Each structure stands twice: as structure tokens, then as C-alpha cells.
Amino acid sequence: NELLKEFVAKLKDNLNDIQTAVNNNDCEQVYQKGHSLKGAASSLCIDKLAKFFEQLENKGKNQNLDGANDILAELFAACDKYLN
């Protein structure tokens, strides 16, 4: 329960960090954040979010951020229930 609270408490900042990295075309940062958050979401059994983070991780890994903003828009929408 504490891990979930911590994950949710940091979620908005983490999403904003990814958005900034995408805006700056920082593939390495998108990869690292995506990888880390995918693992955290998976550990907490939040599979829907884990899939979005995995998509971002792969975009960063492949050095191609095309479509990353679309994934982020879906991710922000999916996270609304956790953030509110």
C-alpha cells in the first residue's frame, strides 16, 4: 500500500519529466523513465499504465520518438483516475 501511495504521489512529476524529455527529443531520458516506471507499474499490477510506459521505453530505446506525444496523451488520460 505504501508503494502504491508513493508511486501515485510521484506520478504527475514523472509524467511531466517524460513530456519534457519528449519535447527536448531526449531519447535516453524517455527510455530510462519509461523503463523505470514500467517496472514500478508492473510491480503494482497496474498493467494498463505499464503498457504505456513500455511503449515509451521502446520509443526511447529505438531513438524514435514519433508518436510519443500520442502515447503520453493516452497515459495522462489513463492516470487521471490515480491522480484525482
C-alpha atoms as a PDB file:
ATOM      1  CA  ASN A   1       0.000   0.000   0.000  1.00  0.00           C
ATOM      2  CA  GLU A   2       2.871   2.393   0.789  1.00  0.00           C
ATOM      3  CA  LEU A   3       4.496   1.658  -2.573  1.00  0.00           C
ATOM      4  CA  LEU A   4       1.260   2.480  -4.370  1.00  0.00           C
ATOM      5  CA  LYS A   5       0.913   5.766  -2.461  1.00  0.00           C
ATOM      6  CA  GLU A   6       4.499   6.701  -3.326  1.00  0.00           C
ATOM      7  CA  PHE A   7       4.021   5.767  -6.988  1.00  0.00           C
ATOM      8  CA  VAL A   8       0.877   7.892  -7.262  1.00  0.00           C
ATOM      9  CA  ALA A   9       2.441  10.800  -5.360  1.00  0.00           C
ATOM     10  CA  LYS A  10       5.298  10.977  -7.871  1.00  0.00           C
ATOM     11  CA  LEU A  11       3.266  10.080 -10.963  1.00  0.00           C
ATOM     12  CA  LYS A  12       2.438  13.603 -12.162  1.00  0.00           C
ATOM     13  CA  ASP A  13       6.050  14.771 -11.797  1.00  0.00           C
ATOM     14  CA  ASN A  14       7.277  11.675 -13.625  1.00  0.00           C
ATOM     15  CA  LEU A  15       4.811  12.218 -16.457  1.00  0.00           C
ATOM     16  CA  ASN A  16       5.888  15.851 -16.723  1.00  0.00           C
ATOM     17  CA  ASP A  17       9.538  14.739 -16.808  1.00  0.00           C
ATOM     18  CA  ILE A  18       8.773  12.390 -19.701  1.00  0.00           C
ATOM     19  CA  GLN A  19       6.865  15.137 -21.507  1.00  0.00           C
ATOM     20  CA  THR A  20       9.858  17.462 -21.139  1.00  0.00           C
ATOM     21  CA  ALA A  21      12.201  14.743 -22.410  1.00  0.00           C
ATOM     22  CA  VAL A  22       9.966  14.143 -25.447  1.00  0.00           C
ATOM     23  CA  ASN A  23       9.811  17.884 -26.127  1.00  0.00           C
ATOM     24  CA  ASN A  24      13.620  18.014 -25.950  1.00  0.00           C
ATOM     25  CA  ASN A  25      13.971  14.888 -28.126  1.00  0.00           C
ATOM     26  CA  ASP A  26      15.907  13.278 -25.256  1.00  0.00           C
ATOM     27  CA  CYS A  27      15.556   9.614 -26.203  1.00  0.00           C
ATOM     28  CA  GLU A  28      17.795   8.394 -23.395  1.00  0.00           C
ATOM     29  CA  GLN A  29      15.692  10.094 -20.723  1.00  0.00           C
ATOM     30  CA  VAL A  30      12.458   8.785 -22.283  1.00  0.00           C
ATOM     31  CA  TYR A  31      13.963   5.294 -22.288  1.00  0.00           C
ATOM     32  CA  GLN A  32      15.174   5.482 -18.675  1.00  0.00           C
ATOM     33  CA  LYS A  33      11.947   6.950 -17.276  1.00  0.00           C
ATOM     34  CA  GLY A  34       9.805   4.594 -19.323  1.00  0.00           C
ATOM     35  CA  HIS A  35      11.807   1.581 -18.178  1.00  0.00           C
ATOM     36  CA  SER A  36      11.734   2.578 -14.520  1.00  0.00           C
ATOM     37  CA  LEU A  37       8.029   3.412 -14.473  1.00  0.00           C
ATOM     38  CA  LYS A  38       7.130   0.291 -16.433  1.00  0.00           C
ATOM     39  CA  GLY A  39       8.790  -1.780 -13.730  1.00  0.00           C
ATOM     40  CA  ALA A  40       7.095   0.112 -10.923  1.00  0.00           C
ATOM     41  CA  ALA A  41       3.649  -0.109 -12.527  1.00  0.00           C
ATOM     42  CA  SER A  42       4.151  -3.813 -13.251  1.00  0.00           C
ATOM     43  CA  SER A  43       5.178  -4.466  -9.657  1.00  0.00           C
ATOM     44  CA  LEU A  44       1.988  -2.748  -8.505  1.00  0.00           C
ATOM     45  CA  CYS A  45      -0.119  -4.731 -11.025  1.00  0.00           C
ATOM     46  CA  ILE A  46      -1.149  -1.585 -12.885  1.00  0.00           C
ATOM     47  CA  ASP A  47      -0.846  -3.302 -16.243  1.00  0.00           C
ATOM     48  CA  LYS A  48      -2.552  -0.611 -18.320  1.00  0.00           C
ATOM     49  CA  LEU A  49      -0.005   2.005 -17.247  1.00  0.00           C
ATOM     50  CA  ALA A  50       2.865  -0.468 -17.561  1.00  0.00           C
ATOM     51  CA  LYS A  51       1.980  -0.995 -21.234  1.00  0.00           C
ATOM     52  CA  PHE A  52       2.070   2.734 -21.938  1.00  0.00           C
ATOM     53  CA  PHE A  53       5.411   3.079 -20.149  1.00  0.00           C
ATOM     54  CA  GLU A  54       6.744   0.106 -22.122  1.00  0.00           C
ATOM     55  CA  GLN A  55       5.756   1.820 -25.372  1.00  0.00           C
ATOM     56  CA  LEU A  56       7.643   4.950 -24.298  1.00  0.00           C
ATOM     57  CA  GLU A  57      10.615   2.851 -23.192  1.00  0.00           C
ATOM     58  CA  ASN A  58      10.748   1.270 -26.650  1.00  0.00           C
ATOM     59  CA  LYS A  59      10.472   4.638 -28.383  1.00  0.00           C
ATOM     60  CA  GLY A  60      13.455   5.908 -26.422  1.00  0.00           C
ATOM     61  CA  LYS A  61      15.428   2.704 -26.916  1.00  0.00           C
ATOM     62  CA  ASN A  62      14.839   2.844 -30.670  1.00  0.00           C
ATOM     63  CA  GLN A  63      15.787   6.536 -30.788  1.00  0.00           C
ATOM     64  CA  ASN A  64      12.460   7.357 -32.450  1.00  0.00           C
ATOM     65  CA  LEU A  65      10.012   9.499 -30.512  1.00  0.00           C
ATOM     66  CA  ASP A  66       7.448   9.745 -33.328  1.00  0.00           C
ATOM     67  CA  GLY A  67       4.048   9.188 -31.749  1.00  0.00           C
ATOM     68  CA  ALA A  68       5.360   9.615 -28.205  1.00  0.00           C
ATOM     69  CA  ASN A  69       3.080  12.604 -27.601  1.00  0.00           C
ATOM     70  CA  ASP A  70       0.073  10.470 -28.566  1.00  0.00           C
ATOM     71  CA  ILE A  71       1.141   7.808 -26.062  1.00  0.00           C
ATOM     72  CA  LEU A  72       1.618  10.488 -23.409  1.00  0.00           C
ATOM     73  CA  ALA A  73      -1.853  11.910 -24.071  1.00  0.00           C
ATOM     74  CA  GLU A  74      -3.353   8.448 -23.529  1.00  0.00           C
ATOM     75  CA  LEU A  75      -1.172   7.966 -20.471  1.00  0.00           C
ATOM     76  CA  PHE A  76      -2.234  11.280 -18.902  1.00  0.00           C
ATOM     77  CA  ALA A  77      -5.885  10.355 -19.533  1.00  0.00           C
ATOM     78  CA  ALA A  78      -5.416   6.896 -18.017  1.00  0.00           C
ATOM     79  CA  CYS A  79      -3.672   8.393 -14.982  1.00  0.00           C
ATOM     80  CA  ASP A  80      -6.494  10.810 -14.195  1.00  0.00           C
ATOM     81  CA  LYS A  81      -8.189   8.229 -12.000  1.00  0.00           C
ATOM     82  CA  TYR A  82      -4.991   7.760  -9.986  1.00  0.00           C
ATOM     83  CA  LEU A  83      -4.224  11.473  -9.714  1.00  0.00           C
ATOM     84  CA  ASN A  84      -7.706  12.626  -8.672  1.00  0.00           C
END
